[in-house]
Amino acid sequence: MTDVYKCLIVDDDPMTCHLLKLQLEMEGYPCVTLSDPEQVLAVIAAESPALVLADFHLGTFDGLGLLRAIRSHEKFHYLPVVIMSAIDYQEACETGGADGFVLKPFNLQDLESTIQKALKG
């Protein structure tokens, strides 16, 4: 991979964040993790990720709410967002404006392919 794209991983389970970070960094994607979805806009502003990878179920927040928050922000509305879940919410996520959806459990190749597709727009 010639380009370096930083990913922001948002999941309310810190272990999932940690494991995804390890996997993606081995593939060449520097990552920042976030377990509190309420802080997503502040972290995007501070870290300037190229993509957000978010779980659908984020405690009291959900991935579509997070997506709406990003899309409604004048500076971050363009940011690619990929949502992941163990339940097939692909149609809802695509209708809601997500740039990709990954069904858990996923293999790393599928995840990387979805990320690359979202980054290319």
C-alpha atoms as a PDB file:
ATOM      1  CA  MET A   1       0.000   0.000   0.000  1.00  0.00           C
ATOM      2  CA  THR A   2       1.534   3.289  -1.056  1.00  0.00           C
ATOM      3  CA  ASP A   3      -0.878   5.727   0.608  1.00  0.00           C
ATOM      4  CA  VAL A   4      -1.274   5.864   4.368  1.00  0.00           C
ATOM      5  CA  TYR A   5      -4.839   6.277   5.603  1.00  0.00           C
ATOM      6  CA  LYS A   6      -5.512   6.767   9.285  1.00  0.00           C
ATOM      7  CA  CYS A   7      -8.634   5.032  10.571  1.00  0.00           C
ATOM      8  CA  LEU A   8     -10.745   5.993  13.561  1.00  0.00           C
ATOM      9  CA  ILE A   9     -12.240   2.859  15.142  1.00  0.00           C
ATOM     10  CA  VAL A  10     -15.339   3.511  17.254  1.00  0.00           C
ATOM     11  CA  ASP A  11     -16.624   0.656  19.390  1.00  0.00           C
ATOM     12  CA  ASP A  12     -17.921   0.674  22.951  1.00  0.00           C
ATOM     13  CA  ASP A  13     -15.946  -2.525  23.602  1.00  0.00           C
ATOM     14  CA  PRO A  14     -12.298  -1.547  24.239  1.00  0.00           C
ATOM     15  CA  MET A  15     -11.118  -5.086  23.434  1.00  0.00           C
ATOM     16  CA  THR A  16     -12.724  -4.942  19.988  1.00  0.00           C
ATOM     17  CA  CYS A  17     -11.055  -1.556  19.429  1.00  0.00           C
ATOM     18  CA  HIS A  18      -7.707  -2.998  20.452  1.00  0.00           C
ATOM     19  CA  LEU A  19      -7.986  -6.095  18.248  1.00  0.00           C
ATOM     20  CA  LEU A  20      -9.139  -4.144  15.193  1.00  0.00           C
ATOM     21  CA  LYS A  21      -6.350  -1.623  15.720  1.00  0.00           C
ATOM     22  CA  LEU A  22      -3.751  -4.404  15.829  1.00  0.00           C
ATOM     23  CA  GLN A  23      -5.111  -6.053  12.691  1.00  0.00           C
ATOM     24  CA  LEU A  24      -5.427  -2.869  10.670  1.00  0.00           C
ATOM     25  CA  GLU A  25      -2.054  -1.515  11.723  1.00  0.00           C
ATOM     26  CA  MET A  26      -0.441  -4.764  10.557  1.00  0.00           C
ATOM     27  CA  GLU A  27      -2.021  -4.004   7.169  1.00  0.00           C
ATOM     28  CA  GLY A  28      -0.543  -0.500   7.121  1.00  0.00           C
ATOM     29  CA  TYR A  29      -3.427   1.579   8.455  1.00  0.00           C
ATOM     30  CA  PRO A  30      -2.482   3.715  11.455  1.00  0.00           C
ATOM     31  CA  CYS A  31      -5.454   3.723  13.820  1.00  0.00           C
ATOM     32  CA  VAL A  32      -6.953   5.718  16.628  1.00  0.00           C
ATOM     33  CA  THR A  33      -9.591   4.085  18.815  1.00  0.00           C
ATOM     34  CA  LEU A  34     -12.557   5.543  20.632  1.00  0.00           C
ATOM     35  CA  SER A  35     -14.912   3.804  23.063  1.00  0.00           C
ATOM     36  CA  ASP A  36     -17.110   6.852  23.762  1.00  0.00           C
ATOM     37  CA  PRO A  37     -19.135   7.727  20.639  1.00  0.00           C
ATOM     38  CA  GLU A  38     -20.138  11.066  22.173  1.00  0.00           C
ATOM     39  CA  GLN A  39     -16.540  12.212  21.554  1.00  0.00           C
ATOM     40  CA  VAL A  40     -16.404  11.284  17.869  1.00  0.00           C
ATOM     41  CA  LEU A  41     -16.462  14.831  16.444  1.00  0.00           C
ATOM     42  CA  ALA A  42     -13.753  16.023  18.840  1.00  0.00           C
ATOM     43  CA  VAL A  43     -11.538  13.051  17.978  1.00  0.00           C
ATOM     44  CA  ILE A  44     -12.081  13.548  14.246  1.00  0.00           C
ATOM     45  CA  ALA A  45     -11.059  17.195  14.641  1.00  0.00           C
ATOM     46  CA  ALA A  46      -7.945  16.275  16.635  1.00  0.00           C
ATOM     47  CA  GLU A  47      -6.797  13.232  14.647  1.00  0.00           C
ATOM     48  CA  SER A  48      -7.948  13.928  11.048  1.00  0.00           C
ATOM     49  CA  PRO A  49      -8.694  10.308  10.116  1.00  0.00           C
ATOM     50  CA  ALA A  50      -9.297   9.361   6.497  1.00  0.00           C
ATOM     51  CA  LEU A  51     -12.099   6.963   7.494  1.00  0.00           C
ATOM     52  CA  VAL A  52     -14.318   6.083  10.451  1.00  0.00           C
ATOM     53  CA  LEU A  53     -14.977   2.402  11.199  1.00  0.00           C
ATOM     54  CA  ALA A  54     -17.828   2.196  13.703  1.00  0.00           C
ATOM     55  CA  ASP A  55     -19.814  -0.537  15.369  1.00  0.00           C
ATOM     56  CA  PHE A  56     -23.590  -0.320  14.888  1.00  0.00           C
ATOM     57  CA  HIS A  57     -24.345  -0.895  18.566  1.00  0.00           C
ATOM     58  CA  LEU A  58     -22.532   1.677  20.688  1.00  0.00           C
ATOM     59  CA  GLY A  59     -24.280   1.401  24.025  1.00  0.00           C
ATOM     60  CA  THR A  60     -26.846   4.195  24.210  1.00  0.00           C
ATOM     61  CA  PHE A  61     -25.663   5.515  20.820  1.00  0.00           C
ATOM     62  CA  ASP A  62     -25.959   3.672  17.540  1.00  0.00           C
ATOM     63  CA  GLY A  63     -23.936   3.701  14.362  1.00  0.00           C
ATOM     64  CA  LEU A  64     -26.632   5.531  12.410  1.00  0.00           C
ATOM     65  CA  GLY A  65     -26.714   8.304  15.026  1.00  0.00           C
ATOM     66  CA  LEU A  66     -22.957   8.558  14.792  1.00  0.00           C
ATOM     67  CA  LEU A  67     -23.210   8.651  11.011  1.00  0.00           C
ATOM     68  CA  ARG A  68     -25.821  11.439  11.168  1.00  0.00           C
ATOM     69  CA  ALA A  69     -23.595  13.454  13.519  1.00  0.00           C
ATOM     70  CA  ILE A  70     -20.676  13.171  11.099  1.00  0.00           C
ATOM     71  CA  ARG A  71     -22.768  13.881   7.986  1.00  0.00           C
ATOM     72  CA  SER A  72     -24.389  16.948   9.562  1.00  0.00           C
ATOM     73  CA  HIS A  73     -21.035  18.523  10.516  1.00  0.00           C
ATOM     74  CA  GLU A  74     -19.936  21.062   7.915  1.00  0.00           C
ATOM     75  CA  LYS A  75     -16.241  20.078   8.086  1.00  0.00           C
ATOM     76  CA  PHE A  76     -16.599  16.283   8.317  1.00  0.00           C
ATOM     77  CA  HIS A  77     -19.619  15.453   6.138  1.00  0.00           C
ATOM     78  CA  TYR A  78     -17.353  14.066   3.392  1.00  0.00           C
ATOM     79  CA  LEU A  79     -15.578  11.571   5.698  1.00  0.00           C
ATOM     80  CA  PRO A  80     -16.094   7.929   4.662  1.00  0.00           C
ATOM     81  CA  VAL A  81     -17.894   5.897   7.329  1.00  0.00           C
ATOM     82  CA  VAL A  82     -17.984   2.092   7.413  1.00  0.00           C
ATOM     83  CA  ILE A  83     -20.335   0.462   9.904  1.00  0.00           C
ATOM     84  CA  MET A  84     -19.929  -3.054  11.260  1.00  0.00           C
ATOM     85  CA  SER A  85     -22.348  -5.321  13.118  1.00  0.00           C
ATOM     86  CA  ALA A  86     -23.107  -8.951  13.885  1.00  0.00           C
ATOM     87  CA  ILE A  87     -26.677  -8.252  12.689  1.00  0.00           C
ATOM     88  CA  ASP A  88     -27.212  -7.542   9.007  1.00  0.00           C
ATOM     89  CA  TYR A  89     -28.017  -3.825   8.965  1.00  0.00           C
ATOM     90  CA  GLN A  90     -26.459  -3.327   5.542  1.00  0.00           C
ATOM     91  CA  GLU A  91     -29.591  -1.916   3.913  1.00  0.00           C
ATOM     92  CA  ALA A  92     -30.297   0.486   6.790  1.00  0.00           C
ATOM     93  CA  CYS A  93     -26.680   1.653   6.829  1.00  0.00           C
ATOM     94  CA  GLU A  94     -26.534   2.195   3.081  1.00  0.00           C
ATOM     95  CA  THR A  95     -29.880   4.012   3.143  1.00  0.00           C
ATOM     96  CA  GLY A  96     -28.567   6.107   6.036  1.00  0.00           C
ATOM     97  CA  GLY A  97     -25.539   7.193   4.008  1.00  0.00           C
ATOM     98  CA  ALA A  98     -22.776   4.835   5.156  1.00  0.00           C
ATOM     99  CA  ASP A  99     -19.961   4.235   2.690  1.00  0.00           C
ATOM    100  CA  GLY A 100     -19.757   0.562   3.579  1.00  0.00           C
ATOM    101  CA  PHE A 101     -21.014  -2.165   5.884  1.00  0.00           C
ATOM    102  CA  VAL A 102     -19.170  -5.197   7.243  1.00  0.00           C
ATOM    103  CA  LEU A 103     -21.004  -8.133   8.792  1.00  0.00           C
ATOM    104  CA  LYS A 104     -19.304  -9.652  11.851  1.00  0.00           C
ATOM    105  CA  PRO A 105     -17.553 -11.974  12.150  1.00  0.00           C
ATOM    106  CA  PHE A 106     -15.530 -10.845   9.170  1.00  0.00           C
ATOM    107  CA  ASN A 107     -12.201 -11.817   7.770  1.00  0.00           C
ATOM    108  CA  LEU A 108      -9.491  -9.224   7.415  1.00  0.00           C
ATOM    109  CA  GLN A 109      -9.574  -9.379   3.606  1.00  0.00           C
ATOM    110  CA  ASP A 110     -13.277  -8.446   3.517  1.00  0.00           C
ATOM    111  CA  LEU A 111     -12.731  -5.633   5.991  1.00  0.00           C
ATOM    112  CA  GLU A 112      -9.759  -4.223   4.079  1.00  0.00           C
ATOM    113  CA  SER A 113     -11.631  -4.483   0.785  1.00  0.00           C
ATOM    114  CA  THR A 114     -14.586  -2.551   2.237  1.00  0.00           C
ATOM    115  CA  ILE A 115     -12.256   0.093   3.668  1.00  0.00           C
ATOM    116  CA  GLN A 116     -10.438   0.502   0.337  1.00  0.00           C
ATOM    117  CA  LYS A 117     -13.744   0.817  -1.536  1.00  0.00           C
ATOM    118  CA  ALA A 118     -14.984   3.477   0.928  1.00  0.00           C
ATOM    119  CA  LEU A 119     -11.719   5.426   0.668  1.00  0.00           C
ATOM    120  CA  LYS A 120     -11.922   5.504  -3.113  1.00  0.00           C
ATOM    121  CA  GLY A 121     -15.481   6.890  -2.914  1.00  0.00           C
END
